[in-house]
Amino acid sequence: MRYAPAATLLLCMSLMAADHRGVVRSQGLPIPGATVTATQAGRKVVTTTDEAGAYHFRDLSEGVWKIEVEMVGFLTAEREFTVVD
């Protein structure tokens, strides 16, 4: 049985207009290959973190988005962020 680390995935986020970038880390180390999903009012956008744990969503519409990060062996992390122009 695998146990999730005590610290869940940490989302480090920054907003730039309609773009959203972030880095997924656990205990300060990047998590490559994590699935990152952003949803808003039925729209869903999915990407995967690169070798540095970074992800990038382009052309997100204004408003509140829910972001979810999933990776085998870790607890799922959820956050909300707002995109403004």
N, C-alpha and C. Protein backbone atom coordinates (compact mmCIF):
# COMPACT_ATOMS: atom_id res chain seq x y z
N MET A 1 0.84 -1.17 0.00
CA MET A 1 0.00 0.00 0.00
C MET A 1 0.89 1.24 0.00
N ARG A 2 0.58 2.20 -0.84
CA ARG A 2 1.35 3.43 -0.91
C ARG A 2 0.68 4.49 -0.07
N TYR A 3 1.47 5.27 0.62
CA TYR A 3 0.95 6.36 1.44
C TYR A 3 1.37 7.68 0.84
N ALA A 4 0.45 8.62 0.87
CA ALA A 4 0.76 9.96 0.39
C ALA A 4 1.65 10.65 1.41
N PRO A 5 2.62 11.42 0.96
CA PRO A 5 3.47 12.16 1.89
C PRO A 5 2.62 13.07 2.77
N ALA A 6 3.14 13.38 3.94
CA ALA A 6 2.41 14.24 4.88
C ALA A 6 2.07 15.58 4.23
N ALA A 7 2.99 16.10 3.49
CA ALA A 7 2.73 17.37 2.80
C ALA A 7 2.08 17.06 1.46
N THR A 8 0.94 17.65 1.19
CA THR A 8 0.29 17.44 -0.10
C THR A 8 1.01 18.26 -1.16
N LEU A 9 0.63 18.07 -2.39
CA LEU A 9 1.25 18.82 -3.47
C LEU A 9 1.06 20.31 -3.24
N LEU A 10 2.12 21.06 -3.41
CA LEU A 10 2.08 22.50 -3.23
C LEU A 10 1.97 23.15 -4.60
N LEU A 11 1.01 24.03 -4.73
CA LEU A 11 0.84 24.74 -5.99
C LEU A 11 1.41 26.14 -5.84
N CYS A 12 2.37 26.47 -6.65
CA CYS A 12 2.92 27.83 -6.67
C CYS A 12 2.40 28.46 -7.95
N MET A 13 1.54 29.46 -7.81
CA MET A 13 0.85 29.99 -8.97
C MET A 13 1.15 31.46 -9.20
N SER A 14 1.12 31.85 -10.46
CA SER A 14 1.19 33.25 -10.82
C SER A 14 0.24 33.47 -11.99
N LEU A 15 -0.39 34.64 -12.00
CA LEU A 15 -1.36 34.94 -13.05
C LEU A 15 -0.82 36.02 -13.97
N MET A 16 -1.03 35.84 -15.26
CA MET A 16 -0.67 36.83 -16.25
C MET A 16 -1.83 36.92 -17.23
N ALA A 17 -2.64 37.96 -17.12
CA ALA A 17 -3.79 38.17 -18.01
C ALA A 17 -4.61 36.89 -18.09
N ALA A 18 -4.72 36.29 -19.29
CA ALA A 18 -5.53 35.10 -19.46
C ALA A 18 -4.68 33.83 -19.44
N ASP A 19 -3.45 33.94 -19.00
CA ASP A 19 -2.58 32.78 -18.86
C ASP A 19 -2.48 32.40 -17.39
N HIS A 20 -2.21 31.15 -17.14
CA HIS A 20 -1.99 30.69 -15.77
C HIS A 20 -0.81 29.73 -15.79
N ARG A 21 0.18 30.03 -14.98
CA ARG A 21 1.38 29.19 -14.87
C ARG A 21 1.57 28.78 -13.42
N GLY A 22 2.18 27.66 -13.21
CA GLY A 22 2.46 27.23 -11.85
C GLY A 22 3.50 26.13 -11.83
N VAL A 23 3.92 25.79 -10.62
CA VAL A 23 4.87 24.71 -10.41
C VAL A 23 4.30 23.82 -9.32
N VAL A 24 4.30 22.53 -9.56
CA VAL A 24 3.81 21.56 -8.58
C VAL A 24 5.02 20.99 -7.84
N ARG A 25 4.99 21.12 -6.51
CA ARG A 25 6.10 20.65 -5.68
C ARG A 25 5.57 19.89 -4.48
N SER A 26 6.39 19.02 -3.96
CA SER A 26 6.12 18.34 -2.70
C SER A 26 7.40 18.40 -1.89
N GLN A 27 7.32 18.93 -0.70
CA GLN A 27 8.48 19.09 0.18
C GLN A 27 9.62 19.79 -0.55
N GLY A 28 9.28 20.79 -1.38
CA GLY A 28 10.27 21.60 -2.08
C GLY A 28 10.80 21.01 -3.37
N LEU A 29 10.44 19.78 -3.68
CA LEU A 29 10.93 19.13 -4.90
C LEU A 29 9.86 19.15 -5.99
N PRO A 30 10.26 19.41 -7.25
CA PRO A 30 9.28 19.43 -8.35
C PRO A 30 8.70 18.04 -8.59
N ILE A 31 7.44 18.02 -9.04
CA ILE A 31 6.75 16.76 -9.35
C ILE A 31 6.47 16.71 -10.85
N PRO A 32 7.34 16.06 -11.64
CA PRO A 32 7.08 15.92 -13.07
C PRO A 32 6.01 14.87 -13.34
N GLY A 33 5.25 15.08 -14.41
CA GLY A 33 4.26 14.10 -14.83
C GLY A 33 2.93 14.15 -14.12
N ALA A 34 2.71 15.17 -13.27
CA ALA A 34 1.43 15.31 -12.58
C ALA A 34 0.38 15.83 -13.56
N THR A 35 -0.85 15.37 -13.41
CA THR A 35 -1.96 15.85 -14.23
C THR A 35 -2.58 17.06 -13.56
N VAL A 36 -2.66 18.17 -14.30
CA VAL A 36 -3.23 19.42 -13.78
C VAL A 36 -4.47 19.73 -14.60
N THR A 37 -5.62 19.87 -13.93
CA THR A 37 -6.90 20.12 -14.59
C THR A 37 -7.48 21.42 -14.08
N ALA A 38 -7.86 22.31 -15.00
CA ALA A 38 -8.53 23.57 -14.66
C ALA A 38 -9.96 23.48 -15.19
N THR A 39 -10.95 23.81 -14.33
CA THR A 39 -12.36 23.77 -14.75
C THR A 39 -13.06 25.07 -14.37
N GLN A 40 -13.99 25.46 -15.23
CA GLN A 40 -14.83 26.63 -15.01
C GLN A 40 -16.12 26.45 -15.78
N ALA A 41 -17.24 26.44 -15.07
CA ALA A 41 -18.57 26.38 -15.69
C ALA A 41 -18.65 25.36 -16.83
N GLY A 42 -18.22 24.15 -16.59
CA GLY A 42 -18.33 23.11 -17.60
C GLY A 42 -17.16 23.01 -18.56
N ARG A 43 -16.30 24.02 -18.61
CA ARG A 43 -15.11 23.97 -19.47
C ARG A 43 -13.98 23.31 -18.68
N LYS A 44 -13.29 22.37 -19.33
CA LYS A 44 -12.20 21.66 -18.68
C LYS A 44 -10.97 21.70 -19.58
N VAL A 45 -9.82 22.07 -18.98
CA VAL A 45 -8.55 22.11 -19.69
C VAL A 45 -7.56 21.27 -18.88
N VAL A 46 -6.85 20.38 -19.57
CA VAL A 46 -5.94 19.45 -18.88
C VAL A 46 -4.53 19.57 -19.47
N THR A 47 -3.54 19.52 -18.59
CA THR A 47 -2.14 19.51 -19.02
C THR A 47 -1.35 18.63 -18.05
N THR A 48 -0.07 18.46 -18.34
CA THR A 48 0.82 17.65 -17.51
C THR A 48 2.05 18.48 -17.16
N THR A 49 2.56 18.31 -15.94
CA THR A 49 3.76 19.05 -15.55
C THR A 49 4.99 18.52 -16.29
N ASP A 50 5.93 19.44 -16.55
CA ASP A 50 7.18 19.04 -17.23
C ASP A 50 8.19 18.54 -16.19
N GLU A 51 9.43 18.32 -16.63
CA GLU A 51 10.45 17.76 -15.74
C GLU A 51 10.78 18.67 -14.55
N ALA A 52 10.46 19.96 -14.66
CA ALA A 52 10.68 20.91 -13.56
C ALA A 52 9.43 21.08 -12.70
N GLY A 53 8.37 20.31 -12.99
CA GLY A 53 7.11 20.43 -12.25
C GLY A 53 6.24 21.58 -12.71
N ALA A 54 6.62 22.24 -13.80
CA ALA A 54 5.90 23.42 -14.29
C ALA A 54 4.75 23.04 -15.23
N TYR A 55 3.70 23.88 -15.19
CA TYR A 55 2.58 23.73 -16.13
C TYR A 55 2.16 25.12 -16.59
N HIS A 56 1.39 25.16 -17.70
CA HIS A 56 0.96 26.43 -18.28
C HIS A 56 -0.37 26.24 -19.00
N PHE A 57 -1.35 27.06 -18.63
CA PHE A 57 -2.62 27.11 -19.35
C PHE A 57 -2.67 28.43 -20.10
N ARG A 58 -3.04 28.38 -21.37
CA ARG A 58 -3.16 29.59 -22.20
C ARG A 58 -4.62 29.90 -22.47
N ASP A 59 -4.89 31.18 -22.68
CA ASP A 59 -6.21 31.64 -23.14
C ASP A 59 -7.37 31.21 -22.26
N LEU A 60 -7.21 31.31 -20.95
CA LEU A 60 -8.32 31.03 -20.05
C LEU A 60 -9.23 32.25 -19.99
N SER A 61 -10.53 32.01 -19.97
CA SER A 61 -11.48 33.12 -19.90
C SER A 61 -11.48 33.70 -18.49
N GLU A 62 -11.94 34.95 -18.38
CA GLU A 62 -12.00 35.63 -17.09
C GLU A 62 -12.91 34.87 -16.13
N GLY A 63 -12.62 35.01 -14.86
CA GLY A 63 -13.47 34.42 -13.84
C GLY A 63 -12.71 33.48 -12.91
N VAL A 64 -13.47 32.82 -12.07
CA VAL A 64 -12.91 31.90 -11.08
C VAL A 64 -12.76 30.51 -11.70
N TRP A 65 -11.61 29.93 -11.54
CA TRP A 65 -11.30 28.59 -12.02
C TRP A 65 -10.93 27.70 -10.84
N LYS A 66 -11.26 26.44 -10.95
CA LYS A 66 -10.83 25.44 -9.97
C LYS A 66 -9.69 24.66 -10.61
N ILE A 67 -8.63 24.47 -9.87
CA ILE A 67 -7.50 23.70 -10.38
C ILE A 67 -7.32 22.47 -9.49
N GLU A 68 -7.04 21.34 -10.13
CA GLU A 68 -6.86 20.08 -9.42
C GLU A 68 -5.58 19.43 -9.93
N VAL A 69 -4.75 18.96 -9.00
CA VAL A 69 -3.49 18.31 -9.36
C VAL A 69 -3.53 16.88 -8.84
N GLU A 70 -3.25 15.94 -9.75
CA GLU A 70 -3.27 14.52 -9.40
C GLU A 70 -1.96 13.86 -9.81
N MET A 71 -1.48 12.98 -8.93
CA MET A 71 -0.27 12.21 -9.22
C MET A 71 -0.32 10.95 -8.38
N VAL A 72 0.01 9.82 -8.98
CA VAL A 72 0.02 8.55 -8.27
C VAL A 72 0.94 8.66 -7.05
N GLY A 73 0.45 8.21 -5.90
CA GLY A 73 1.25 8.24 -4.68
C GLY A 73 1.10 9.51 -3.86
N PHE A 74 0.31 10.48 -4.36
CA PHE A 74 0.10 11.75 -3.67
C PHE A 74 -1.39 11.99 -3.46
N LEU A 75 -1.70 12.79 -2.46
CA LEU A 75 -3.08 13.23 -2.29
C LEU A 75 -3.40 14.24 -3.38
N THR A 76 -4.65 14.27 -3.83
CA THR A 76 -5.08 15.25 -4.83
C THR A 76 -5.14 16.62 -4.17
N ALA A 77 -4.60 17.63 -4.85
CA ALA A 77 -4.62 19.01 -4.35
C ALA A 77 -5.61 19.81 -5.18
N GLU A 78 -6.39 20.66 -4.52
CA GLU A 78 -7.36 21.52 -5.20
C GLU A 78 -7.20 22.95 -4.72
N ARG A 79 -7.31 23.89 -5.64
CA ARG A 79 -7.25 25.32 -5.33
C ARG A 79 -8.17 26.06 -6.29
N GLU A 80 -8.49 27.30 -5.95
CA GLU A 80 -9.21 28.18 -6.87
C GLU A 80 -8.31 29.36 -7.19
N PHE A 81 -8.45 29.89 -8.40
CA PHE A 81 -7.74 31.10 -8.78
C PHE A 81 -8.64 31.90 -9.69
N THR A 82 -8.37 33.19 -9.79
CA THR A 82 -9.19 34.09 -10.60
C THR A 82 -8.36 34.66 -11.74
N VAL A 83 -8.90 34.61 -12.94
CA VAL A 83 -8.26 35.21 -14.11
C VAL A 83 -8.94 36.54 -14.38
N VAL A 84 -8.15 37.61 -14.48
CA VAL A 84 -8.68 38.94 -14.80
C VAL A 84 -7.87 39.52 -15.95
N ASP A 85 -8.55 40.30 -16.79
CA ASP A 85 -7.86 40.99 -17.89
C ASP A 85 -7.48 42.37 -17.49
